[in-house]
Amino acid sequence: MTQSNFLCRVARFYIDGFRNMTVGRTLWAVIIVKVIIIFAVLKLFFFQDFIGQNASKGQEADFVSAELEERTAE
């Protein structure tokens, strides 16, 4: 058995499985919507653009290196 034959069989297995799903499609849709909402909320509230707010345009690398040096010195 060659490796490409094995990969084709594995791919066909998953494709047929997803094609024949009924309830699973709804569950996957719910999971995808939840993940999108979670990442949108995390991005808005927890991962703010700290460098963009504190560094001037074109000086981002200097700002990051200065912050790293300052934090390692403490």
N, C-alpha and C. Protein backbone atom coordinates (compact mmCIF):
# COMPACT_ATOMS: atom_id res chain seq x y z
N MET A 1 0.85 -1.17 0.00
CA MET A 1 0.00 0.00 0.00
C MET A 1 0.90 1.24 0.00
N THR A 2 0.67 2.12 -0.95
CA THR A 2 1.46 3.34 -1.02
C THR A 2 0.88 4.40 -0.11
N GLN A 3 1.68 5.38 0.17
CA GLN A 3 1.24 6.43 1.08
C GLN A 3 0.16 7.29 0.44
N SER A 4 0.25 7.55 -0.87
CA SER A 4 -0.77 8.37 -1.53
C SER A 4 -2.11 7.65 -1.53
N ASN A 5 -2.10 6.32 -1.67
CA ASN A 5 -3.33 5.54 -1.61
C ASN A 5 -3.94 5.64 -0.22
N PHE A 6 -3.11 5.58 0.81
CA PHE A 6 -3.58 5.70 2.19
C PHE A 6 -4.19 7.07 2.44
N LEU A 7 -3.52 8.12 1.96
CA LEU A 7 -4.03 9.48 2.15
C LEU A 7 -5.35 9.68 1.41
N CYS A 8 -5.47 9.10 0.23
CA CYS A 8 -6.73 9.19 -0.52
C CYS A 8 -7.86 8.50 0.23
N ARG A 9 -7.57 7.34 0.81
CA ARG A 9 -8.59 6.63 1.58
C ARG A 9 -9.01 7.40 2.82
N VAL A 10 -8.05 8.01 3.50
CA VAL A 10 -8.37 8.81 4.69
C VAL A 10 -9.20 10.03 4.30
N ALA A 11 -8.81 10.71 3.24
CA ALA A 11 -9.55 11.88 2.79
C ALA A 11 -10.97 11.49 2.38
N ARG A 12 -11.12 10.40 1.65
CA ARG A 12 -12.44 9.93 1.23
C ARG A 12 -13.30 9.57 2.44
N PHE A 13 -12.69 8.99 3.46
CA PHE A 13 -13.41 8.63 4.69
C PHE A 13 -14.02 9.88 5.34
N TYR A 14 -13.21 10.93 5.49
CA TYR A 14 -13.71 12.15 6.13
C TYR A 14 -14.71 12.88 5.24
N ILE A 15 -14.47 12.93 3.95
CA ILE A 15 -15.40 13.61 3.04
C ILE A 15 -16.76 12.93 3.06
N ASP A 16 -16.77 11.60 2.98
CA ASP A 16 -18.03 10.86 3.03
C ASP A 16 -18.72 11.04 4.38
N GLY A 17 -17.94 11.08 5.44
CA GLY A 17 -18.53 11.27 6.76
C GLY A 17 -19.19 12.61 6.91
N PHE A 18 -18.55 13.68 6.44
CA PHE A 18 -19.15 15.01 6.54
C PHE A 18 -20.33 15.15 5.59
N ARG A 19 -20.27 14.50 4.46
CA ARG A 19 -21.36 14.59 3.47
C ARG A 19 -22.63 13.92 4.01
N ASN A 20 -22.49 12.85 4.78
CA ASN A 20 -23.65 12.11 5.27
C ASN A 20 -24.16 12.59 6.61
N MET A 21 -23.60 13.65 7.15
CA MET A 21 -24.05 14.16 8.45
C MET A 21 -25.39 14.87 8.32
N THR A 22 -26.20 14.77 9.38
CA THR A 22 -27.44 15.54 9.44
C THR A 22 -27.39 16.47 10.65
N VAL A 23 -27.36 15.90 11.83
CA VAL A 23 -27.28 16.70 13.06
C VAL A 23 -25.89 17.32 13.19
N GLY A 24 -24.89 16.63 12.72
CA GLY A 24 -23.52 17.12 12.85
C GLY A 24 -23.28 18.43 12.15
N ARG A 25 -23.96 18.66 11.03
CA ARG A 25 -23.79 19.94 10.33
C ARG A 25 -24.27 21.09 11.20
N THR A 26 -25.39 20.90 11.86
CA THR A 26 -25.90 21.95 12.75
C THR A 26 -24.94 22.17 13.91
N LEU A 27 -24.42 21.11 14.46
CA LEU A 27 -23.48 21.24 15.57
C LEU A 27 -22.21 21.95 15.14
N TRP A 28 -21.69 21.61 13.96
CA TRP A 28 -20.49 22.30 13.45
C TRP A 28 -20.78 23.77 13.20
N ALA A 29 -21.96 24.09 12.71
CA ALA A 29 -22.32 25.50 12.49
C ALA A 29 -22.35 26.25 13.81
N VAL A 30 -22.92 25.64 14.84
CA VAL A 30 -22.97 26.27 16.17
C VAL A 30 -21.55 26.47 16.71
N ILE A 31 -20.70 25.47 16.55
CA ILE A 31 -19.32 25.57 17.03
C ILE A 31 -18.58 26.70 16.31
N ILE A 32 -18.73 26.79 15.01
CA ILE A 32 -18.03 27.83 14.24
C ILE A 32 -18.52 29.22 14.64
N VAL A 33 -19.83 29.38 14.82
CA VAL A 33 -20.37 30.68 15.24
C VAL A 33 -19.84 31.05 16.62
N LYS A 34 -19.82 30.09 17.54
CA LYS A 34 -19.32 30.36 18.89
C LYS A 34 -17.84 30.76 18.88
N VAL A 35 -17.04 30.09 18.07
CA VAL A 35 -15.61 30.41 18.00
C VAL A 35 -15.41 31.81 17.43
N ILE A 36 -16.17 32.17 16.40
CA ILE A 36 -16.06 33.51 15.83
C ILE A 36 -16.44 34.56 16.85
N ILE A 37 -17.51 34.33 17.58
CA ILE A 37 -17.94 35.29 18.60
C ILE A 37 -16.90 35.39 19.71
N ILE A 38 -16.38 34.27 20.17
CA ILE A 38 -15.38 34.29 21.24
C ILE A 38 -14.14 35.07 20.82
N PHE A 39 -13.63 34.80 19.61
CA PHE A 39 -12.44 35.52 19.18
C PHE A 39 -12.71 36.99 18.95
N ALA A 40 -13.91 37.34 18.49
CA ALA A 40 -14.24 38.75 18.30
C ALA A 40 -14.26 39.46 19.66
N VAL A 41 -14.84 38.83 20.67
CA VAL A 41 -14.89 39.44 22.01
C VAL A 41 -13.48 39.54 22.59
N LEU A 42 -12.68 38.49 22.44
CA LEU A 42 -11.32 38.54 22.96
C LEU A 42 -10.52 39.65 22.28
N LYS A 43 -10.67 39.79 20.99
CA LYS A 43 -9.93 40.81 20.25
C LYS A 43 -10.34 42.20 20.71
N LEU A 44 -11.63 42.42 20.90
CA LEU A 44 -12.10 43.75 21.27
C LEU A 44 -11.69 44.15 22.69
N PHE A 45 -11.78 43.22 23.64
CA PHE A 45 -11.61 43.59 25.03
C PHE A 45 -10.26 43.23 25.64
N PHE A 46 -9.57 42.24 25.10
CA PHE A 46 -8.36 41.79 25.75
C PHE A 46 -7.10 42.02 24.93
N PHE A 47 -7.20 42.09 23.62
CA PHE A 47 -6.03 42.26 22.77
C PHE A 47 -6.09 43.59 22.06
N GLN A 48 -6.01 44.65 22.81
CA GLN A 48 -6.06 45.98 22.23
C GLN A 48 -4.72 46.31 21.58
N ASP A 49 -4.72 47.28 20.69
CA ASP A 49 -3.53 47.66 19.94
C ASP A 49 -2.63 48.54 20.80
N PHE A 50 -1.91 47.91 21.71
CA PHE A 50 -1.06 48.64 22.66
C PHE A 50 0.08 49.35 21.96
N ILE A 51 0.73 48.70 21.01
CA ILE A 51 1.86 49.30 20.31
C ILE A 51 1.38 50.45 19.44
N GLY A 52 0.26 50.26 18.75
CA GLY A 52 -0.27 51.33 17.90
C GLY A 52 -0.67 52.56 18.69
N GLN A 53 -1.10 52.38 19.93
CA GLN A 53 -1.52 53.51 20.76
C GLN A 53 -0.33 54.23 21.38
N ASN A 54 0.76 53.52 21.66
CA ASN A 54 1.86 54.11 22.41
C ASN A 54 3.10 54.44 21.58
N ALA A 55 3.19 53.93 20.38
CA ALA A 55 4.36 54.19 19.54
C ALA A 55 3.95 55.05 18.36
N SER A 56 4.84 55.94 17.96
CA SER A 56 4.55 56.76 16.79
C SER A 56 4.77 55.94 15.52
N LYS A 57 4.17 56.39 14.44
CA LYS A 57 4.22 55.67 13.17
C LYS A 57 5.67 55.53 12.70
N GLY A 58 6.08 54.31 12.39
CA GLY A 58 7.43 54.04 11.93
C GLY A 58 8.42 53.78 13.04
N GLN A 59 8.02 53.96 14.29
CA GLN A 59 8.91 53.77 15.44
C GLN A 59 8.48 52.59 16.31
N GLU A 60 7.70 51.68 15.74
CA GLU A 60 7.18 50.56 16.52
C GLU A 60 8.29 49.64 17.01
N ALA A 61 9.28 49.37 16.16
CA ALA A 61 10.37 48.47 16.54
C ALA A 61 11.19 49.06 17.68
N ASP A 62 11.44 50.35 17.61
CA ASP A 62 12.19 51.01 18.69
C ASP A 62 11.40 50.97 20.00
N PHE A 63 10.09 51.17 19.92
CA PHE A 63 9.25 51.13 21.11
C PHE A 63 9.29 49.74 21.75
N VAL A 64 9.17 48.69 20.93
CA VAL A 64 9.18 47.32 21.45
C VAL A 64 10.52 47.00 22.08
N SER A 65 11.62 47.37 21.44
CA SER A 65 12.94 47.06 22.01
C SER A 65 13.16 47.84 23.30
N ALA A 66 12.71 49.09 23.36
CA ALA A 66 12.85 49.87 24.60
C ALA A 66 12.03 49.24 25.73
N GLU A 67 10.82 48.78 25.42
CA GLU A 67 9.98 48.13 26.43
C GLU A 67 10.62 46.83 26.92
N LEU A 68 11.18 46.04 26.00
CA LEU A 68 11.83 44.80 26.40
C LEU A 68 13.03 45.06 27.28
N GLU A 69 13.83 46.04 26.92
CA GLU A 69 15.00 46.37 27.74
C GLU A 69 14.59 46.86 29.12
N GLU A 70 13.55 47.67 29.16
CA GLU A 70 13.08 48.21 30.44
C GLU A 70 12.51 47.11 31.34
N ARG A 71 11.77 46.18 30.75
CA ARG A 71 11.14 45.12 31.54
C ARG A 71 12.15 44.07 32.00
N THR A 72 13.21 43.84 31.22
CA THR A 72 14.22 42.88 31.65
C THR A 72 15.14 43.47 32.69
N ALA A 73 15.26 44.79 32.74
CA ALA A 73 16.12 45.44 33.73
C ALA A 73 15.48 45.42 35.11
N GLU A 74 14.17 45.27 35.17
CA GLU A 74 13.47 45.30 36.47
C GLU A 74 13.65 44.07 37.24
